[in-house]
PDB file of N, CA and C in Angstrom:
ATOM      1  N   MET A   1       0.555   6.431 -37.349  1.00  0.00           N
ATOM      2  CA  MET A   1       1.407   7.148 -38.289  1.00  0.00           C
ATOM      3  C   MET A   1       2.772   7.338 -37.652  1.00  0.00           C
ATOM      4  N   THR A   2       3.809   6.898 -38.345  1.00  0.00           N
ATOM      5  CA  THR A   2       5.173   7.043 -37.837  1.00  0.00           C
ATOM      6  C   THR A   2       5.837   8.259 -38.432  1.00  0.00           C
ATOM      7  N   SER A   3       6.622   8.904 -37.597  1.00  0.00           N
ATOM      8  CA  SER A   3       7.332  10.088 -38.044  1.00  0.00           C
ATOM      9  C   SER A   3       8.696   9.686 -38.601  1.00  0.00           C
ATOM     10  N   ILE A   4       9.099  10.295 -39.679  1.00  0.00           N
ATOM     11  CA  ILE A   4      10.411  10.017 -40.259  1.00  0.00           C
ATOM     12  C   ILE A   4      11.506  10.622 -39.385  1.00  0.00           C
ATOM     13  N   ASP A   5      11.213  11.736 -38.737  1.00  0.00           N
ATOM     14  CA  ASP A   5      12.221  12.420 -37.925  1.00  0.00           C
ATOM     15  C   ASP A   5      12.516  11.694 -36.614  1.00  0.00           C
ATOM     16  N   ARG A   6      11.571  10.904 -36.120  1.00  0.00           N
ATOM     17  CA  ARG A   6      11.764  10.241 -34.837  1.00  0.00           C
ATOM     18  C   ARG A   6      12.432   8.890 -35.056  1.00  0.00           C
ATOM     19  N   PRO A   7      13.649   8.706 -34.504  1.00  0.00           N
ATOM     20  CA  PRO A   7      14.322   7.415 -34.677  1.00  0.00           C
ATOM     21  C   PRO A   7      13.682   6.358 -33.777  1.00  0.00           C
ATOM     22  N   THR A   8      13.752   5.114 -34.220  1.00  0.00           N
ATOM     23  CA  THR A   8      13.230   4.021 -33.410  1.00  0.00           C
ATOM     24  C   THR A   8      14.282   3.616 -32.396  1.00  0.00           C
ATOM     25  N   SER A   9      13.844   3.125 -31.273  1.00  0.00           N
ATOM     26  CA  SER A   9      14.799   2.694 -30.259  1.00  0.00           C
ATOM     27  C   SER A   9      15.406   1.359 -30.660  1.00  0.00           C
ATOM     28  N   ALA A  10      16.510   1.023 -30.023  1.00  0.00           N
ATOM     29  CA  ALA A  10      17.203  -0.221 -30.363  1.00  0.00           C
ATOM     30  C   ALA A  10      16.392  -1.432 -29.936  1.00  0.00           C
ATOM     31  N   THR A  11      15.620  -1.309 -28.856  1.00  0.00           N
ATOM     32  CA  THR A  11      14.860  -2.465 -28.393  1.00  0.00           C
ATOM     33  C   THR A  11      13.662  -2.746 -29.281  1.00  0.00           C
ATOM     34  N   SER A  12      13.057  -1.723 -29.842  1.00  0.00           N
ATOM     35  CA  SER A  12      11.883  -1.973 -30.677  1.00  0.00           C
ATOM     36  C   SER A  12      12.263  -2.339 -32.110  1.00  0.00           C
ATOM     37  N   ALA A  13      13.511  -2.132 -32.498  1.00  0.00           N
ATOM     38  CA  ALA A  13      13.907  -2.397 -33.875  1.00  0.00           C
ATOM     39  C   ALA A  13      14.074  -3.889 -34.141  1.00  0.00           C
ATOM     40  N   GLY A  14      14.628  -4.622 -33.158  1.00  0.00           N
ATOM     41  CA  GLY A  14      14.900  -6.031 -33.377  1.00  0.00           C
ATOM     42  C   GLY A  14      13.871  -6.926 -32.728  1.00  0.00           C
ATOM     43  N   PRO A  15      14.018  -8.226 -32.949  1.00  0.00           N
ATOM     44  CA  PRO A  15      13.093  -9.175 -32.319  1.00  0.00           C
ATOM     45  C   PRO A  15      13.353  -9.246 -30.816  1.00  0.00           C
ATOM     46  N   THR A  16      12.320  -9.575 -30.068  1.00  0.00           N
ATOM     47  CA  THR A  16      12.488  -9.699 -28.616  1.00  0.00           C
ATOM     48  C   THR A  16      13.138 -11.028 -28.296  1.00  0.00           C
ATOM     49  N   HIS A  17      13.848 -11.047 -27.199  1.00  0.00           N
ATOM     50  CA  HIS A  17      14.515 -12.268 -26.759  1.00  0.00           C
ATOM     51  C   HIS A  17      13.639 -12.941 -25.720  1.00  0.00           C
ATOM     52  N   PRO A  18      13.157 -14.133 -25.978  1.00  0.00           N
ATOM     53  CA  PRO A  18      12.231 -14.785 -25.055  1.00  0.00           C
ATOM     54  C   PRO A  18      12.843 -15.040 -23.681  1.00  0.00           C
ATOM     55  N   VAL A  19      14.141 -15.333 -23.634  1.00  0.00           N
ATOM     56  CA  VAL A  19      14.776 -15.608 -22.345  1.00  0.00           C
ATOM     57  C   VAL A  19      14.827 -14.337 -21.501  1.00  0.00           C
ATOM     58  N   ARG A  20      15.182 -13.236 -22.113  1.00  0.00           N
ATOM     59  CA  ARG A  20      15.223 -11.968 -21.376  1.00  0.00           C
ATOM     60  C   ARG A  20      13.836 -11.581 -20.895  1.00  0.00           C
ATOM     61  N   HIS A  21      12.837 -11.807 -21.728  1.00  0.00           N
ATOM     62  CA  HIS A  21      11.458 -11.500 -21.355  1.00  0.00           C
ATOM     63  C   HIS A  21      11.021 -12.372 -20.175  1.00  0.00           C
ATOM     64  N   TRP A  22      11.370 -13.663 -20.227  1.00  0.00           N
ATOM     65  CA  TRP A  22      11.027 -14.590 -19.154  1.00  0.00           C
ATOM     66  C   TRP A  22      11.705 -14.181 -17.858  1.00  0.00           C
ATOM     67  N   ILE A  23      12.999 -13.823 -17.920  1.00  0.00           N
ATOM     68  CA  ILE A  23      13.740 -13.403 -16.728  1.00  0.00           C
ATOM     69  C   ILE A  23      13.146 -12.122 -16.158  1.00  0.00           C
ATOM     70  N   ARG A  24      12.802 -11.194 -17.016  1.00  0.00           N
ATOM     71  CA  ARG A  24      12.229  -9.939 -16.539  1.00  0.00           C
ATOM     72  C   ARG A  24      10.889 -10.172 -15.842  1.00  0.00           C
ATOM     73  N   ARG A  25      10.043 -11.020 -16.436  1.00  0.00           N
ATOM     74  CA  ARG A  25       8.751 -11.314 -15.806  1.00  0.00           C
ATOM     75  C   ARG A  25       8.937 -11.973 -14.450  1.00  0.00           C
ATOM     76  N   ARG A  26       9.870 -12.915 -14.351  1.00  0.00           N
ATOM     77  CA  ARG A  26      10.123 -13.599 -13.078  1.00  0.00           C
ATOM     78  C   ARG A  26      10.692 -12.627 -12.052  1.00  0.00           C
ATOM     79  N   ARG A  27      11.593 -11.747 -12.475  1.00  0.00           N
ATOM     80  CA  ARG A  27      12.192 -10.780 -11.555  1.00  0.00           C
ATOM     81  C   ARG A  27      11.137  -9.820 -11.031  1.00  0.00           C
ATOM     82  N   LEU A  28      10.236  -9.360 -11.897  1.00  0.00           N
ATOM     83  CA  LEU A  28       9.160  -8.483 -11.450  1.00  0.00           C
ATOM     84  C   LEU A  28       8.209  -9.210 -10.507  1.00  0.00           C
ATOM     85  N   MET A  29       7.937 -10.473 -10.778  1.00  0.00           N
ATOM     86  CA  MET A  29       7.054 -11.246  -9.921  1.00  0.00           C
ATOM     87  C   MET A  29       7.674 -11.436  -8.538  1.00  0.00           C
ATOM     88  N   VAL A  30       8.963 -11.750  -8.498  1.00  0.00           N
ATOM     89  CA  VAL A  30       9.649 -11.923  -7.217  1.00  0.00           C
ATOM     90  C   VAL A  30       9.700 -10.606  -6.458  1.00  0.00           C
ATOM     91  N   ALA A  31       9.975  -9.514  -7.156  1.00  0.00           N
ATOM     92  CA  ALA A  31      10.039  -8.206  -6.500  1.00  0.00           C
ATOM     93  C   ALA A  31       8.691  -7.833  -5.899  1.00  0.00           C
ATOM     94  N   SER A  32       7.607  -8.077  -6.617  1.00  0.00           N
ATOM     95  CA  SER A  32       6.286  -7.736  -6.088  1.00  0.00           C
ATOM     96  C   SER A  32       5.915  -8.657  -4.923  1.00  0.00           C
ATOM     97  N   THR A  33       6.347  -9.911  -4.973  1.00  0.00           N
ATOM     98  CA  THR A  33       6.083 -10.837  -3.873  1.00  0.00           C
ATOM     99  C   THR A  33       6.840 -10.416  -2.622  1.00  0.00           C
ATOM    100  N   VAL A  34       8.106 -10.045  -2.779  1.00  0.00           N
ATOM    101  CA  VAL A  34       8.897  -9.593  -1.635  1.00  0.00           C
ATOM    102  C   VAL A  34       8.321  -8.296  -1.072  1.00  0.00           C
ATOM    103  N   ARG A  35       7.917  -7.386  -1.943  1.00  0.00           N
ATOM    104  CA  ARG A  35       7.309  -6.131  -1.494  1.00  0.00           C
ATOM    105  C   ARG A  35       6.046  -6.405  -0.691  1.00  0.00           C
ATOM    106  N   GLY A  36       5.201  -7.292  -1.190  1.00  0.00           N
ATOM    107  CA  GLY A  36       3.972  -7.646  -0.479  1.00  0.00           C
ATOM    108  C   GLY A  36       4.257  -8.299   0.863  1.00  0.00           C
ATOM    109  N   ALA A  37       5.270  -9.162   0.911  1.00  0.00           N
ATOM    110  CA  ALA A  37       5.639  -9.796   2.177  1.00  0.00           C
ATOM    111  C   ALA A  37       6.129  -8.762   3.180  1.00  0.00           C
ATOM    112  N   CYS A  38       6.900  -7.796   2.722  1.00  0.00           N
ATOM    113  CA  CYS A  38       7.389  -6.740   3.615  1.00  0.00           C
ATOM    114  C   CYS A  38       6.244  -5.892   4.144  1.00  0.00           C
ATOM    115  N   TYR A  39       5.284  -5.567   3.285  1.00  0.00           N
ATOM    116  CA  TYR A  39       4.109  -4.820   3.745  1.00  0.00           C
ATOM    117  C   TYR A  39       3.347  -5.631   4.790  1.00  0.00           C
ATOM    118  N   GLY A  40       3.187  -6.910   4.549  1.00  0.00           N
ATOM    119  CA  GLY A  40       2.479  -7.767   5.498  1.00  0.00           C
ATOM    120  C   GLY A  40       3.197  -7.867   6.834  1.00  0.00           C
ATOM    121  N   ILE A  41       4.510  -8.025   6.796  1.00  0.00           N
ATOM    122  CA  ILE A  41       5.290  -8.104   8.029  1.00  0.00           C
ATOM    123  C   ILE A  41       5.195  -6.791   8.794  1.00  0.00           C
ATOM    124  N   GLY A  42       5.312  -5.684   8.085  1.00  0.00           N
ATOM    125  CA  GLY A  42       5.208  -4.372   8.742  1.00  0.00           C
ATOM    126  C   GLY A  42       3.838  -4.154   9.368  1.00  0.00           C
ATOM    127  N   THR A  43       2.788  -4.561   8.684  1.00  0.00           N
ATOM    128  CA  THR A  43       1.433  -4.430   9.224  1.00  0.00           C
ATOM    129  C   THR A  43       1.274  -5.312  10.460  1.00  0.00           C
ATOM    130  N   GLY A  44       1.807  -6.518  10.398  1.00  0.00           N
ATOM    131  CA  GLY A  44       1.729  -7.422  11.547  1.00  0.00           C
ATOM    132  C   GLY A  44       2.486  -6.886  12.757  1.00  0.00           C
ATOM    133  N   VAL A  45       3.665  -6.344  12.534  1.00  0.00           N
ATOM    134  CA  VAL A  45       4.456  -5.777  13.642  1.00  0.00           C
ATOM    135  C   VAL A  45       3.732  -4.580  14.245  1.00  0.00           C
ATOM    136  N   ALA A  46       3.180  -3.709  13.401  1.00  0.00           N
ATOM    137  CA  ALA A  46       2.442  -2.555  13.913  1.00  0.00           C
ATOM    138  C   ALA A  46       1.218  -3.011  14.702  1.00  0.00           C
ATOM    139  N   GLY A  47       0.507  -4.012  14.213  1.00  0.00           N
ATOM    140  CA  GLY A  47      -0.651  -4.538  14.925  1.00  0.00           C
ATOM    141  C   GLY A  47      -0.276  -5.126  16.266  1.00  0.00           C
ATOM    142  N   LEU A  48       0.808  -5.906  16.299  1.00  0.00           N
ATOM    143  CA  LEU A  48       1.270  -6.460  17.574  1.00  0.00           C
ATOM    144  C   LEU A  48       1.701  -5.369  18.539  1.00  0.00           C
ATOM    145  N   PHE A  49       2.339  -4.335  18.048  1.00  0.00           N
ATOM    146  CA  PHE A  49       2.760  -3.222  18.901  1.00  0.00           C
ATOM    147  C   PHE A  49       1.551  -2.542  19.542  1.00  0.00           C
ATOM    148  N   PHE A  50       0.538  -2.234  18.733  1.00  0.00           N
ATOM    149  CA  PHE A  50      -0.640  -1.572  19.285  1.00  0.00           C
ATOM    150  C   PHE A  50      -1.416  -2.498  20.219  1.00  0.00           C
ATOM    151  N   TRP A  51      -1.451  -3.793  19.927  1.00  0.00           N
ATOM    152  CA  TRP A  51      -2.083  -4.746  20.836  1.00  0.00           C
ATOM    153  C   TRP A  51      -1.347  -4.767  22.164  1.00  0.00           C
ATOM    154  N   TRP A  52      -0.010  -4.797  22.129  1.00  0.00           N
ATOM    155  CA  TRP A  52       0.805  -4.801  23.341  1.00  0.00           C
ATOM    156  C   TRP A  52       0.572  -3.507  24.148  1.00  0.00           C
ATOM    157  N   VAL A  53       0.487  -2.363  23.470  1.00  0.00           N
ATOM    158  CA  VAL A  53       0.223  -1.091  24.157  1.00  0.00           C
ATOM    159  C   VAL A  53      -1.144  -1.152  24.844  1.00  0.00           C
ATOM    160  N   GLN A  54      -2.158  -1.675  24.175  1.00  0.00           N
ATOM    161  CA  GLN A  54      -3.489  -1.763  24.778  1.00  0.00           C
ATOM    162  C   GLN A  54      -3.494  -2.686  25.985  1.00  0.00           C
ATOM    163  N   GLN A  55      -2.739  -3.754  25.922  1.00  0.00           N
ATOM    164  CA  GLN A  55      -2.706  -4.691  27.031  1.00  0.00           C
ATOM    165  C   GLN A  55      -1.997  -4.096  28.255  1.00  0.00           C
ATOM    166  N   ASN A  56      -1.070  -3.186  28.025  1.00  0.00           N
ATOM    167  CA  ASN A  56      -0.267  -2.639  29.119  1.00  0.00           C
ATOM    168  C   ASN A  56      -0.758  -1.262  29.578  1.00  0.00           C
ATOM    169  N   LEU A  57      -1.898  -0.817  29.155  1.00  0.00           N
ATOM    170  CA  LEU A  57      -2.436   0.458  29.636  1.00  0.00           C
ATOM    171  C   LEU A  57      -3.178   0.301  30.941  1.00  0.00           C
TER     172      LEU A  57
END
């Protein structure tokens, strides 16, 4: 049920643009890939640091 008092947003009123949707999906995919790579690099550096500490005790 739609309310008469609530205006619709500009994005939902018109048709979606396939190119913008494609760019947004690719940008989100790249951002999540970079985020995952950064987490992996950070985990690897922390692991190497603790390994180095254990070796030098």
